[in-house]
Amino acid sequence: MNYFNSNSNSNTVFKDIILLLVRVFIGFAMLSHGFPKLQMLLEGGKIEFFDFLGLGPKISLGLTVFAEFACSILLILGLFTRIALGFLMFTMIIAGFVIHGADPFSKKEMSLLYLSIYLLLMLFGAGKISVDYMIEKRKRASEW
């Protein structure tokens, strides 16, 4: 019997632990990219950042900070996970295909790796060890 394809209860616990570990690791890893950008935004000096869609560097930086910092915290908690992942995926698509579009693969690699992990998390969800699951469980119990 293949351990990963069985429907046993221990398999779902294993899957939920793995989803938790991936969420927490990738969330903190992205926070390490978002925190310096947050500091840059709060310093108030001249901001030199990619001007996405002509919105201006300050707004583009603010949107990036929201995705990389705030949405990473939501991802770690497992709160509004798929919504947060949408913002994170959009940011990684822009980073990988627009900002580093003409660069060699080594420059795109990090954003594409993050994007692939976010896609997997979007597919599998936050798992049972998340705030999303607790909210859903409470909602189902109240609909009795």
N, C-alpha and C. Protein backbone atom coordinates (compact mmCIF):
# COMPACT_ATOMS: atom_id res chain seq x y z
N MET A 1 0.85 -1.18 0.00
CA MET A 1 0.00 0.00 0.00
C MET A 1 0.89 1.24 0.00
N ASN A 2 0.59 2.18 -0.87
CA ASN A 2 1.34 3.43 -0.95
C ASN A 2 0.91 4.34 0.19
N TYR A 3 1.88 4.79 0.97
CA TYR A 3 1.58 5.59 2.15
C TYR A 3 0.90 6.91 1.79
N PHE A 4 1.32 7.54 0.70
CA PHE A 4 0.79 8.84 0.34
C PHE A 4 -0.60 8.78 -0.29
N ASN A 5 -1.01 7.62 -0.77
CA ASN A 5 -2.31 7.52 -1.41
C ASN A 5 -3.36 6.86 -0.52
N SER A 6 -2.98 6.40 0.64
CA SER A 6 -3.97 5.76 1.50
C SER A 6 -4.87 6.81 2.12
N ASN A 7 -6.05 6.40 2.52
CA ASN A 7 -7.02 7.31 3.12
C ASN A 7 -7.06 7.19 4.63
N SER A 8 -6.02 6.68 5.22
CA SER A 8 -6.00 6.51 6.66
C SER A 8 -5.94 7.85 7.36
N ASN A 9 -6.37 7.86 8.61
CA ASN A 9 -6.37 9.08 9.40
C ASN A 9 -4.96 9.59 9.63
N SER A 10 -4.01 8.68 9.82
CA SER A 10 -2.62 9.12 10.04
C SER A 10 -2.06 9.81 8.81
N ASN A 11 -2.53 9.43 7.62
CA ASN A 11 -2.08 10.07 6.40
C ASN A 11 -2.56 11.52 6.34
N THR A 12 -3.80 11.79 6.74
CA THR A 12 -4.29 13.16 6.72
C THR A 12 -3.59 14.01 7.77
N VAL A 13 -3.25 13.43 8.90
CA VAL A 13 -2.49 14.16 9.92
C VAL A 13 -1.11 14.51 9.37
N PHE A 14 -0.47 13.55 8.71
CA PHE A 14 0.84 13.78 8.10
C PHE A 14 0.75 14.90 7.07
N LYS A 15 -0.27 14.87 6.23
CA LYS A 15 -0.46 15.90 5.21
C LYS A 15 -0.66 17.27 5.85
N ASP A 16 -1.45 17.33 6.91
CA ASP A 16 -1.70 18.61 7.57
C ASP A 16 -0.45 19.16 8.25
N ILE A 17 0.38 18.29 8.79
CA ILE A 17 1.63 18.73 9.40
C ILE A 17 2.58 19.26 8.32
N ILE A 18 2.65 18.55 7.19
CA ILE A 18 3.50 19.01 6.09
C ILE A 18 3.01 20.36 5.56
N LEU A 19 1.69 20.52 5.39
CA LEU A 19 1.16 21.80 4.92
C LEU A 19 1.49 22.92 5.91
N LEU A 20 1.39 22.64 7.20
CA LEU A 20 1.74 23.63 8.22
C LEU A 20 3.22 24.01 8.11
N LEU A 21 4.08 23.02 8.01
CA LEU A 21 5.52 23.29 7.93
C LEU A 21 5.87 24.10 6.68
N VAL A 22 5.27 23.75 5.56
CA VAL A 22 5.53 24.48 4.31
C VAL A 22 5.01 25.91 4.43
N ARG A 23 3.80 26.07 4.95
CA ARG A 23 3.22 27.42 5.12
C ARG A 23 4.10 28.29 6.00
N VAL A 24 4.52 27.74 7.13
CA VAL A 24 5.32 28.52 8.08
C VAL A 24 6.69 28.84 7.49
N PHE A 25 7.34 27.84 6.89
CA PHE A 25 8.67 28.08 6.33
C PHE A 25 8.63 29.10 5.20
N ILE A 26 7.74 28.90 4.25
CA ILE A 26 7.70 29.78 3.09
C ILE A 26 7.20 31.17 3.49
N GLY A 27 6.33 31.23 4.50
CA GLY A 27 5.86 32.52 5.00
C GLY A 27 6.99 33.32 5.62
N PHE A 28 7.78 32.68 6.49
CA PHE A 28 8.91 33.38 7.10
C PHE A 28 9.99 33.71 6.07
N ALA A 29 10.18 32.82 5.11
CA ALA A 29 11.16 33.10 4.05
C ALA A 29 10.76 34.34 3.26
N MET A 30 9.47 34.47 2.94
CA MET A 30 9.02 35.65 2.19
C MET A 30 9.04 36.90 3.08
N LEU A 31 8.79 36.72 4.38
CA LEU A 31 8.90 37.87 5.29
C LEU A 31 10.30 38.48 5.25
N SER A 32 11.30 37.64 5.06
CA SER A 32 12.67 38.15 4.99
C SER A 32 12.89 39.03 3.77
N HIS A 33 12.04 38.90 2.76
CA HIS A 33 12.10 39.78 1.59
C HIS A 33 11.20 41.00 1.79
N GLY A 34 10.09 40.82 2.48
CA GLY A 34 9.14 41.90 2.66
C GLY A 34 9.53 42.90 3.73
N PHE A 35 10.21 42.44 4.79
CA PHE A 35 10.55 43.33 5.90
C PHE A 35 11.50 44.46 5.47
N PRO A 36 12.56 44.18 4.71
CA PRO A 36 13.41 45.30 4.25
C PRO A 36 12.64 46.31 3.39
N LYS A 37 11.69 45.81 2.61
CA LYS A 37 10.87 46.71 1.78
C LYS A 37 9.96 47.55 2.67
N LEU A 38 9.44 46.95 3.75
CA LEU A 38 8.62 47.70 4.70
C LEU A 38 9.45 48.80 5.35
N GLN A 39 10.68 48.49 5.73
CA GLN A 39 11.56 49.49 6.32
C GLN A 39 11.84 50.62 5.32
N MET A 40 12.05 50.27 4.06
CA MET A 40 12.29 51.27 3.02
C MET A 40 11.08 52.19 2.89
N LEU A 41 9.89 51.62 2.96
CA LEU A 41 8.66 52.39 2.84
C LEU A 41 8.47 53.32 4.03
N LEU A 42 8.79 52.84 5.23
CA LEU A 42 8.59 53.62 6.45
C LEU A 42 9.67 54.69 6.66
N GLU A 43 10.83 54.53 6.05
CA GLU A 43 11.90 55.51 6.21
C GLU A 43 11.50 56.87 5.65
N GLY A 44 10.71 56.86 4.61
CA GLY A 44 10.22 58.11 4.05
C GLY A 44 11.18 58.83 3.13
N GLY A 45 12.33 58.27 2.86
CA GLY A 45 13.28 58.89 1.93
C GLY A 45 12.83 58.70 0.48
N LYS A 46 13.73 59.02 -0.43
CA LYS A 46 13.44 58.83 -1.84
C LYS A 46 13.34 57.33 -2.13
N ILE A 47 12.25 56.93 -2.73
CA ILE A 47 12.00 55.52 -3.01
C ILE A 47 12.34 55.23 -4.46
N GLU A 48 13.27 54.31 -4.65
CA GLU A 48 13.61 53.83 -5.97
C GLU A 48 13.15 52.39 -6.06
N PHE A 49 12.03 52.20 -6.74
CA PHE A 49 11.41 50.89 -6.84
C PHE A 49 10.75 50.79 -8.19
N PHE A 50 10.51 49.56 -8.64
CA PHE A 50 9.88 49.32 -9.94
C PHE A 50 8.50 49.99 -9.98
N ASP A 51 8.25 50.77 -11.02
CA ASP A 51 6.98 51.48 -11.17
C ASP A 51 6.02 50.60 -11.98
N PHE A 52 5.20 49.84 -11.28
CA PHE A 52 4.27 48.91 -11.93
C PHE A 52 3.05 49.64 -12.46
N LEU A 53 2.78 49.52 -13.73
CA LEU A 53 1.63 50.11 -14.42
C LEU A 53 1.53 51.62 -14.26
N GLY A 54 2.64 52.26 -14.02
CA GLY A 54 2.63 53.72 -13.90
C GLY A 54 1.99 54.22 -12.62
N LEU A 55 1.87 53.37 -11.62
CA LEU A 55 1.25 53.78 -10.35
C LEU A 55 2.19 54.62 -9.49
N GLY A 56 3.45 54.62 -9.83
CA GLY A 56 4.44 55.32 -9.04
C GLY A 56 5.19 54.34 -8.16
N PRO A 57 6.45 54.64 -7.88
CA PRO A 57 7.26 53.71 -7.10
C PRO A 57 6.75 53.52 -5.66
N LYS A 58 6.20 54.57 -5.07
CA LYS A 58 5.73 54.45 -3.68
C LYS A 58 4.52 53.52 -3.57
N ILE A 59 3.58 53.65 -4.47
CA ILE A 59 2.39 52.78 -4.46
C ILE A 59 2.79 51.35 -4.82
N SER A 60 3.68 51.20 -5.80
CA SER A 60 4.14 49.86 -6.18
C SER A 60 4.86 49.19 -5.01
N LEU A 61 5.68 49.95 -4.30
CA LEU A 61 6.36 49.40 -3.13
C LEU A 61 5.35 49.06 -2.04
N GLY A 62 4.36 49.90 -1.83
CA GLY A 62 3.32 49.62 -0.83
C GLY A 62 2.57 48.34 -1.14
N LEU A 63 2.22 48.14 -2.40
CA LEU A 63 1.52 46.91 -2.80
C LEU A 63 2.40 45.68 -2.61
N THR A 64 3.68 45.83 -2.91
CA THR A 64 4.62 44.73 -2.73
C THR A 64 4.80 44.40 -1.25
N VAL A 65 4.87 45.43 -0.41
CA VAL A 65 4.98 45.22 1.03
C VAL A 65 3.73 44.52 1.55
N PHE A 66 2.55 44.94 1.05
CA PHE A 66 1.32 44.28 1.47
C PHE A 66 1.38 42.79 1.15
N ALA A 67 1.81 42.46 -0.06
CA ALA A 67 1.87 41.05 -0.45
C ALA A 67 2.95 40.30 0.32
N GLU A 68 4.18 40.81 0.28
CA GLU A 68 5.30 40.07 0.83
C GLU A 68 5.33 40.07 2.36
N PHE A 69 4.77 41.08 2.99
CA PHE A 69 4.82 41.15 4.45
C PHE A 69 3.48 40.74 5.07
N ALA A 70 2.42 41.49 4.75
CA ALA A 70 1.12 41.21 5.38
C ALA A 70 0.56 39.85 4.95
N CYS A 71 0.61 39.55 3.67
CA CYS A 71 0.06 38.28 3.19
C CYS A 71 0.89 37.09 3.66
N SER A 72 2.19 37.31 3.89
CA SER A 72 3.02 36.23 4.44
C SER A 72 2.61 35.90 5.87
N ILE A 73 2.26 36.93 6.64
CA ILE A 73 1.77 36.69 8.01
C ILE A 73 0.46 35.92 7.96
N LEU A 74 -0.43 36.30 7.05
CA LEU A 74 -1.70 35.57 6.90
C LEU A 74 -1.44 34.12 6.50
N LEU A 75 -0.46 33.90 5.63
CA LEU A 75 -0.11 32.55 5.21
C LEU A 75 0.40 31.72 6.38
N ILE A 76 1.26 32.30 7.20
CA ILE A 76 1.79 31.59 8.36
C ILE A 76 0.65 31.18 9.30
N LEU A 77 -0.29 32.09 9.52
CA LEU A 77 -1.42 31.79 10.40
C LEU A 77 -2.43 30.84 9.75
N GLY A 78 -2.44 30.79 8.44
CA GLY A 78 -3.46 30.01 7.75
C GLY A 78 -4.79 30.74 7.78
N LEU A 79 -4.74 32.06 7.70
CA LEU A 79 -5.93 32.91 7.74
C LEU A 79 -6.12 33.55 6.37
N PHE A 80 -7.31 33.40 5.79
CA PHE A 80 -7.57 33.88 4.43
C PHE A 80 -6.47 33.40 3.49
N THR A 81 -6.11 32.15 3.62
CA THR A 81 -4.93 31.59 2.96
C THR A 81 -4.97 31.75 1.45
N ARG A 82 -6.06 31.36 0.83
CA ARG A 82 -6.10 31.40 -0.64
C ARG A 82 -6.14 32.84 -1.17
N ILE A 83 -6.75 33.74 -0.44
CA ILE A 83 -6.74 35.15 -0.84
C ILE A 83 -5.32 35.70 -0.74
N ALA A 84 -4.66 35.42 0.38
CA ALA A 84 -3.27 35.86 0.57
C ALA A 84 -2.38 35.26 -0.51
N LEU A 85 -2.59 33.99 -0.83
CA LEU A 85 -1.79 33.35 -1.87
C LEU A 85 -2.01 34.00 -3.23
N GLY A 86 -3.21 34.48 -3.49
CA GLY A 86 -3.49 35.18 -4.75
C GLY A 86 -2.61 36.41 -4.90
N PHE A 87 -2.52 37.21 -3.83
CA PHE A 87 -1.66 38.39 -3.85
C PHE A 87 -0.18 38.01 -3.98
N LEU A 88 0.22 36.99 -3.25
CA LEU A 88 1.61 36.55 -3.30
C LEU A 88 1.96 36.00 -4.69
N MET A 89 1.05 35.23 -5.28
CA MET A 89 1.30 34.68 -6.61
C MET A 89 1.40 35.80 -7.64
N PHE A 90 0.50 36.77 -7.57
CA PHE A 90 0.54 37.90 -8.49
C PHE A 90 1.87 38.63 -8.38
N THR A 91 2.33 38.85 -7.15
CA THR A 91 3.61 39.53 -6.94
C THR A 91 4.77 38.74 -7.52
N MET A 92 4.74 37.41 -7.36
CA MET A 92 5.83 36.59 -7.91
C MET A 92 5.77 36.51 -9.42
N ILE A 93 4.58 36.56 -10.00
CA ILE A 93 4.44 36.59 -11.46
C ILE A 93 5.05 37.87 -12.01
N ILE A 94 4.75 39.00 -11.36
CA ILE A 94 5.31 40.29 -11.79
C ILE A 94 6.83 40.27 -11.62
N ALA A 95 7.31 39.76 -10.48
CA ALA A 95 8.76 39.72 -10.24
C ALA A 95 9.46 38.83 -11.26
N GLY A 96 8.90 37.66 -11.51
CA GLY A 96 9.56 36.70 -12.39
C GLY A 96 9.46 37.01 -13.87
N PHE A 97 8.30 37.50 -14.30
CA PHE A 97 8.08 37.65 -15.73
C PHE A 97 8.12 39.10 -16.23
N VAL A 98 7.99 40.07 -15.33
CA VAL A 98 8.03 41.47 -15.76
C VAL A 98 9.35 42.11 -15.32
N ILE A 99 9.59 42.14 -14.02
CA ILE A 99 10.80 42.79 -13.51
C ILE A 99 12.06 42.08 -14.01
N HIS A 100 12.07 40.77 -13.91
CA HIS A 100 13.24 39.99 -14.34
C HIS A 100 12.99 39.28 -15.67
N GLY A 101 12.03 39.76 -16.44
CA GLY A 101 11.66 39.12 -17.70
C GLY A 101 12.80 38.96 -18.68
N ALA A 102 13.66 39.96 -18.78
CA ALA A 102 14.76 39.91 -19.74
C ALA A 102 16.05 39.37 -19.12
N ASP A 103 16.01 39.10 -17.83
CA ASP A 103 17.20 38.61 -17.12
C ASP A 103 17.38 37.12 -17.34
N PRO A 104 18.58 36.61 -17.07
CA PRO A 104 18.79 35.16 -17.17
C PRO A 104 17.98 34.42 -16.09
N PHE A 105 17.84 33.12 -16.29
CA PHE A 105 17.02 32.31 -15.39
C PHE A 105 17.46 32.42 -13.94
N SER A 106 18.74 32.57 -13.70
CA SER A 106 19.23 32.65 -12.32
C SER A 106 18.64 33.83 -11.56
N LYS A 107 18.26 34.90 -12.25
CA LYS A 107 17.61 36.05 -11.62
C LYS A 107 16.13 35.80 -11.37
N LYS A 108 15.50 34.98 -12.23
CA LYS A 108 14.07 34.69 -12.12
C LYS A 108 13.79 33.54 -11.17
N GLU A 109 14.80 32.73 -10.93
CA GLU A 109 14.62 31.46 -10.24
C GLU A 109 13.90 31.58 -8.91
N MET A 110 14.32 32.51 -8.07
CA MET A 110 13.73 32.63 -6.73
C MET A 110 12.24 32.93 -6.80
N SER A 111 11.85 33.89 -7.63
CA SER A 111 10.43 34.22 -7.71
C SER A 111 9.62 33.07 -8.30
N LEU A 112 10.20 32.32 -9.23
CA LEU A 112 9.49 31.18 -9.81
C LEU A 112 9.37 30.02 -8.83
N LEU A 113 10.37 29.84 -7.98
CA LEU A 113 10.27 28.82 -6.93
C LEU A 113 9.18 29.17 -5.93
N TYR A 114 9.15 30.43 -5.51
CA TYR A 114 8.08 30.86 -4.61
C TYR A 114 6.72 30.66 -5.28
N LEU A 115 6.62 31.04 -6.54
CA LEU A 115 5.36 30.90 -7.28
C LEU A 115 4.91 29.44 -7.32
N SER A 116 5.83 28.51 -7.56
CA SER A 116 5.45 27.10 -7.64
C SER A 116 4.97 26.58 -6.28
N ILE A 117 5.60 27.02 -5.20
CA ILE A 117 5.15 26.59 -3.87
C ILE A 117 3.79 27.20 -3.56
N TYR A 118 3.58 28.46 -3.93
CA TYR A 118 2.28 29.09 -3.72
C TYR A 118 1.19 28.38 -4.52
N LEU A 119 1.51 27.93 -5.73
CA LEU A 119 0.54 27.18 -6.53
C LEU A 119 0.14 25.88 -5.84
N LEU A 120 1.13 25.18 -5.29
CA LEU A 120 0.83 23.94 -4.57
C LEU A 120 -0.03 24.21 -3.33
N LEU A 121 0.29 25.26 -2.59
CA LEU A 121 -0.52 25.60 -1.42
C LEU A 121 -1.93 26.01 -1.83
N MET A 122 -2.06 26.70 -2.96
CA MET A 122 -3.39 27.07 -3.45
C MET A 122 -4.20 25.82 -3.77
N LEU A 123 -3.54 24.82 -4.33
CA LEU A 123 -4.20 23.58 -4.69
C LEU A 123 -4.63 22.79 -3.45
N PHE A 124 -3.73 22.65 -2.48
CA PHE A 124 -4.01 21.82 -1.31
C PHE A 124 -4.70 22.57 -0.17
N GLY A 125 -4.62 23.88 -0.15
CA GLY A 125 -5.23 24.67 0.92
C GLY A 125 -4.32 24.72 2.14
N ALA A 126 -4.84 25.31 3.21
CA ALA A 126 -4.05 25.55 4.42
C ALA A 126 -3.93 24.31 5.29
N GLY A 127 -4.83 23.36 5.13
CA GLY A 127 -4.81 22.18 5.97
C GLY A 127 -5.62 22.39 7.25
N LYS A 128 -5.66 21.35 8.07
CA LYS A 128 -6.47 21.40 9.30
C LYS A 128 -5.80 22.17 10.43
N ILE A 129 -4.51 22.41 10.32
CA ILE A 129 -3.81 23.16 11.36
C ILE A 129 -3.70 24.60 10.88
N SER A 130 -4.85 25.28 10.85
CA SER A 130 -4.90 26.65 10.35
C SER A 130 -6.11 27.37 10.95
N VAL A 131 -6.06 28.67 10.93
CA VAL A 131 -7.19 29.47 11.40
C VAL A 131 -8.38 29.29 10.45
N ASP A 132 -8.10 29.19 9.15
CA ASP A 132 -9.17 28.95 8.17
C ASP A 132 -9.99 27.72 8.53
N TYR A 133 -9.31 26.65 8.91
CA TYR A 133 -10.01 25.40 9.25
C TYR A 133 -10.84 25.58 10.52
N MET A 134 -10.28 26.28 11.50
CA MET A 134 -11.04 26.51 12.75
C MET A 134 -12.29 27.33 12.48
N ILE A 135 -12.19 28.34 11.61
CA ILE A 135 -13.35 29.15 11.26
C ILE A 135 -14.38 28.30 10.54
N GLU A 136 -13.94 27.49 9.59
CA GLU A 136 -14.85 26.63 8.83
C GLU A 136 -15.52 25.61 9.74
N LYS A 137 -14.75 25.04 10.66
CA LYS A 137 -15.29 24.05 11.59
C LYS A 137 -16.36 24.68 12.49
N ARG A 138 -16.10 25.88 12.97
CA ARG A 138 -17.07 26.57 13.82
C ARG A 138 -18.32 26.95 13.02
N LYS A 139 -18.11 27.35 11.77
CA LYS A 139 -19.23 27.71 10.90
C LYS A 139 -20.12 26.50 10.64
N ARG A 140 -19.49 25.34 10.37
CA ARG A 140 -20.26 24.11 10.14
C ARG A 140 -21.02 23.68 11.39
N ALA A 141 -20.43 23.87 12.56
CA ALA A 141 -21.09 23.49 13.81
C ALA A 141 -22.29 24.37 14.10
N SER A 142 -22.23 25.63 13.71
CA SER A 142 -23.34 26.54 13.97
C SER A 142 -24.49 26.37 12.97
N GLU A 143 -24.23 25.71 11.84
CA GLU A 143 -25.28 25.47 10.85
C GLU A 143 -26.07 24.20 11.13
N TRP A 144 -25.84 23.61 12.21
CA TRP A 144 -26.47 22.35 12.63
C TRP A 144 -27.84 22.27 12.14
